[in-house]
Every structure is written in C-alpha cells, then in structure tokens.
Amino acid sequence: MVQQIIEQAFLGNRILDYLISALLLLIGFGVIKIFQRFILKRLKVWAEKTATTLDDFLVKVIQSILLPLAYFGAFYLSVTTLNLNPLLKRIIDITGMAILTLFTARLAAALVGYGFNIYRAKRGKDISLERSLNGILKVIKTVVWALAIIFFLDNLGFKISAVIAGLGIGGIAIALAAQAVLSD
C-alpha cells in the first residue's frame, strides 16, 4: 500500500522523489540553523571580546551574505533532485545565477569598503582624504556592480563585448578624474 503511494507519479516525479527533495531541504536548513545557533553565536561572542575589527567584519559577512546564500543553496540542491519542466529548470538556474552574482558583488563591495575603512582609520581624521576616499569608494563599488551585471548578462548569453569596450573607455576617464581629485 505504502509502496504504491510513493511510486505514484505527479508532475513527472514520484511521490518518493518529492519526499527526498523535502528531506534534503529540511536537512540543509537544519544544518544551517545548527551552524547559526551554535557556531555563529560563539563566533559573535569571541569577536566582541577581541580588539580587532576583522573578526567583527567576518561575522557580519557570514550573517548578511553567506547565510542567505547557504539557504538558497539548500533550496537549489533540493529542487535540482526533481525532474522539472525545462522552463521551470531554466528559471531556477537563472535565479540561482542572479542570487550568486548578487551576493558575490555584495561580498566584493563589503571587502573593498572594509579595506577603505582600515586605511581611513590608519590615516587619522583628515577631511579632504575622507572625501576623496568616499568618492573613490563609490566609483569602485559602481565598477564592482557593473562587472557583476556584465557577468550575469554574459552568462545569460548576451553579447556584451561593446559594453566591455565602453567600460574600458569609461574606466580611463574615471582614472583621470580620480587623479585630478587626489592631486587637489
């Protein structure tokens, strides 16, 4: 009786396949929750006790970037075990690529921002330097996001060589403008 139920097909998958997918999702979410509750909580306590800011930054990155990415990864792995409609599979793949690109760009922007904050802290309070660094940081973050968008569009199959050539020319203009700002 149970064998007949789990062998029944529904939307191209057996009930057993759906159960396996749901079990994988629950296991993935459970492992992430255990990591959050025990390991990440201890890392937070440890990071608050130290004088350095690197560990605080790493805990923040884990919480805001890596954990959401891990949740999506668990979902993606559980769904890919199913036999899906090609259109639905393509939508899930594109969504996964978009999420991965988004979080990678956020990570790169956070790393650049942290590096600039460290540099700013070592230099002390200098208003003109701070303004210059803020301007340069905005330009670098814009470049990071532009590269992320180009990467995403390239993976979708768009021909982006003209966009890349335009960014090269724009990059030269930005570098010349930054040089003028820094010399003042």
Protein backbone atom coordinates (compact mmCIF):
# COMPACT_ATOMS: atom_id res chain seq x y z
CA MET A 1 0.00 0.00 0.00
CA VAL A 2 2.69 2.50 1.00
CA GLN A 3 4.82 1.29 -1.89
CA GLN A 4 2.03 2.11 -4.33
CA ILE A 5 1.60 5.60 -2.90
CA ILE A 6 5.27 6.58 -3.02
CA GLU A 7 5.63 5.18 -6.53
CA GLN A 8 2.77 7.27 -7.91
CA ALA A 9 3.89 9.92 -10.38
CA PHE A 10 2.80 13.53 -10.06
CA LEU A 11 4.07 16.24 -12.45
CA GLY A 12 6.83 13.98 -13.72
CA ASN A 13 8.15 12.89 -10.32
CA ARG A 14 7.29 10.11 -7.95
CA ILE A 15 5.97 10.97 -4.50
CA LEU A 16 9.20 9.43 -3.20
CA ASP A 17 11.20 11.99 -5.21
CA TYR A 18 9.24 14.83 -3.60
CA LEU A 19 9.82 13.33 -0.16
CA ILE A 20 13.56 13.03 -0.82
CA SER A 21 13.66 16.63 -2.05
CA ALA A 22 11.77 17.85 1.03
CA LEU A 23 14.04 15.82 3.30
CA LEU A 24 17.15 17.32 1.67
CA LEU A 25 15.69 20.79 2.12
CA LEU A 26 14.92 20.17 5.80
CA ILE A 27 18.37 18.68 6.42
CA GLY A 28 20.03 21.63 4.69
CA PHE A 29 18.02 24.19 6.65
CA GLY A 30 18.64 22.24 9.85
CA VAL A 31 22.41 22.20 9.34
CA ILE A 32 22.36 25.94 8.66
CA LYS A 33 20.25 26.59 11.78
CA ILE A 34 22.63 24.49 13.88
CA PHE A 35 25.55 26.48 12.45
CA GLN A 36 23.76 29.73 13.29
CA ARG A 37 22.73 28.74 16.75
CA PHE A 38 25.97 27.21 17.97
CA ILE A 39 28.98 28.12 15.86
CA LEU A 40 27.99 31.61 14.72
CA LYS A 41 26.78 32.58 18.18
CA ARG A 42 30.16 31.58 19.64
CA LEU A 43 31.99 33.42 16.88
CA LYS A 44 30.00 36.57 17.71
CA VAL A 45 30.87 36.36 21.39
CA TRP A 46 34.53 35.77 20.56
CA ALA A 47 34.58 38.64 18.04
CA GLU A 48 33.13 41.07 20.57
CA LYS A 49 35.91 40.25 23.04
CA THR A 50 38.77 40.95 20.63
CA ALA A 51 40.13 44.40 19.82
CA THR A 52 40.43 43.83 16.08
CA THR A 53 37.66 44.67 13.65
CA LEU A 54 38.43 41.90 11.16
CA ASP A 55 36.60 39.23 13.13
CA ASP A 56 33.58 41.52 13.59
CA PHE A 57 33.59 42.12 9.83
CA LEU A 58 33.81 38.38 9.12
CA VAL A 59 30.87 37.62 11.43
CA LYS A 60 28.85 40.36 9.71
CA VAL A 61 29.73 38.93 6.28
CA ILE A 62 28.74 35.43 7.38
CA GLN A 63 25.40 36.70 8.70
CA SER A 64 24.45 39.03 5.88
CA ILE A 65 25.95 37.29 2.85
CA LEU A 66 26.94 33.67 3.42
CA LEU A 67 23.91 32.51 5.44
CA PRO A 68 21.29 33.70 2.93
CA LEU A 69 23.41 32.17 0.17
CA ALA A 70 23.54 28.89 2.10
CA TYR A 71 19.76 28.88 2.49
CA PHE A 72 19.31 29.36 -1.23
CA GLY A 73 21.95 26.69 -1.87
CA ALA A 74 19.99 24.19 0.23
CA PHE A 75 16.82 25.05 -1.67
CA TYR A 76 18.58 24.82 -5.03
CA LEU A 77 20.14 21.44 -4.24
CA SER A 78 16.84 20.00 -3.05
CA VAL A 79 14.93 21.25 -6.11
CA THR A 80 17.51 20.01 -8.61
CA THR A 81 16.91 16.44 -7.47
CA LEU A 82 13.48 16.67 -9.10
CA ASN A 83 12.69 16.13 -12.75
CA LEU A 84 11.43 19.61 -13.67
CA ASN A 85 9.85 21.21 -16.70
CA PRO A 86 12.70 22.69 -18.82
CA LEU A 87 11.27 26.21 -18.50
CA LEU A 88 10.99 25.92 -14.71
CA LYS A 89 14.51 24.47 -14.52
CA ARG A 90 15.82 27.39 -16.61
CA ILE A 91 14.03 29.89 -14.34
CA ILE A 92 15.54 28.29 -11.24
CA ASP A 93 19.00 28.22 -12.84
CA ILE A 94 18.78 31.90 -13.84
CA THR A 95 17.51 32.83 -10.38
CA GLY A 96 20.38 30.90 -8.83
CA MET A 97 22.90 32.63 -11.06
CA ALA A 98 21.37 36.02 -10.22
CA ILE A 99 21.47 35.34 -6.49
CA LEU A 100 25.03 34.06 -6.63
CA THR A 101 26.11 37.09 -8.67
CA LEU A 102 24.29 39.45 -6.29
CA PHE A 103 25.88 38.02 -3.17
CA THR A 104 29.33 37.83 -4.77
CA ALA A 105 29.08 41.51 -5.71
CA ARG A 106 27.91 42.35 -2.19
CA LEU A 107 30.88 40.45 -0.79
CA ALA A 108 33.34 42.24 -3.08
CA ALA A 109 31.82 45.63 -2.22
CA ALA A 110 31.96 44.82 1.50
CA LEU A 111 35.61 43.78 1.26
CA VAL A 112 36.52 46.97 -0.59
CA GLY A 113 34.58 49.06 1.94
CA TYR A 114 36.31 47.32 4.85
CA GLY A 115 39.72 47.90 3.26
CA PHE A 116 38.95 51.60 2.84
CA ASN A 117 37.76 51.84 6.45
CA ILE A 118 41.02 50.30 7.67
CA TYR A 119 43.03 52.69 5.51
CA ARG A 120 40.96 55.64 6.78
CA ALA A 121 41.46 54.59 10.41
CA LYS A 122 45.25 54.35 9.95
CA ARG A 123 45.42 57.81 8.35
CA GLY A 124 43.51 59.56 11.11
CA LYS A 125 40.99 62.38 10.77
CA ASP A 126 41.64 64.20 7.52
CA ILE A 127 38.52 65.69 5.97
CA SER A 128 39.93 66.03 2.46
CA LEU A 129 41.29 62.47 2.48
CA GLU A 130 37.97 61.19 3.76
CA ARG A 131 36.07 62.95 0.98
CA SER A 132 38.49 61.63 -1.62
CA LEU A 133 38.25 58.09 -0.27
CA ASN A 134 34.45 58.26 -0.20
CA GLY A 135 34.42 59.35 -3.83
CA ILE A 136 36.85 56.64 -4.87
CA LEU A 137 34.91 54.04 -2.88
CA LYS A 138 31.70 54.95 -4.69
CA VAL A 139 33.46 54.62 -8.04
CA ILE A 140 34.96 51.23 -7.10
CA LYS A 141 31.61 49.93 -5.85
CA THR A 142 29.98 51.11 -9.07
CA VAL A 143 32.62 49.23 -11.07
CA VAL A 144 32.06 46.10 -8.96
CA TRP A 145 28.31 46.22 -9.60
CA ALA A 146 28.83 46.95 -13.29
CA LEU A 147 31.10 43.91 -13.55
CA ALA A 148 28.51 41.80 -11.73
CA ILE A 149 25.81 42.88 -14.16
CA ILE A 150 28.09 42.19 -17.13
CA PHE A 151 28.94 38.75 -15.72
CA PHE A 152 25.26 37.97 -15.27
CA LEU A 153 24.29 39.14 -18.74
CA ASP A 154 27.19 37.23 -20.28
CA ASN A 155 26.06 34.04 -18.55
CA LEU A 156 22.57 34.61 -19.92
CA GLY A 157 24.05 34.54 -23.40
CA PHE A 158 24.02 38.23 -24.30
CA LYS A 159 26.89 39.56 -26.40
CA ILE A 160 28.46 42.22 -24.22
CA SER A 161 31.78 42.96 -25.91
CA ALA A 162 30.62 46.51 -26.82
CA VAL A 163 29.66 47.14 -23.20
CA ILE A 164 33.07 45.96 -22.03
CA ALA A 165 34.81 48.24 -24.55
CA GLY A 166 32.71 51.15 -23.31
CA LEU A 167 33.64 50.37 -19.72
CA GLY A 168 37.30 50.37 -20.69
CA ILE A 169 37.00 53.88 -22.08
CA GLY A 170 34.88 54.94 -19.09
CA GLY A 171 37.46 53.46 -16.74
CA ILE A 172 40.19 55.57 -18.28
CA ALA A 173 38.04 58.68 -17.83
CA ILE A 174 37.32 57.77 -14.20
CA ALA A 175 41.02 57.17 -13.52
CA LEU A 176 41.91 60.57 -14.95
CA ALA A 177 39.19 62.23 -12.88
CA ALA A 178 40.34 60.42 -9.73
CA GLN A 179 43.91 61.53 -10.41
CA ALA A 180 42.74 65.14 -10.63
CA VAL A 181 40.73 64.83 -7.40
CA LEU A 182 43.62 63.27 -5.49
CA SER A 183 46.12 65.87 -6.68
CA ASP A 184 43.94 68.66 -5.21
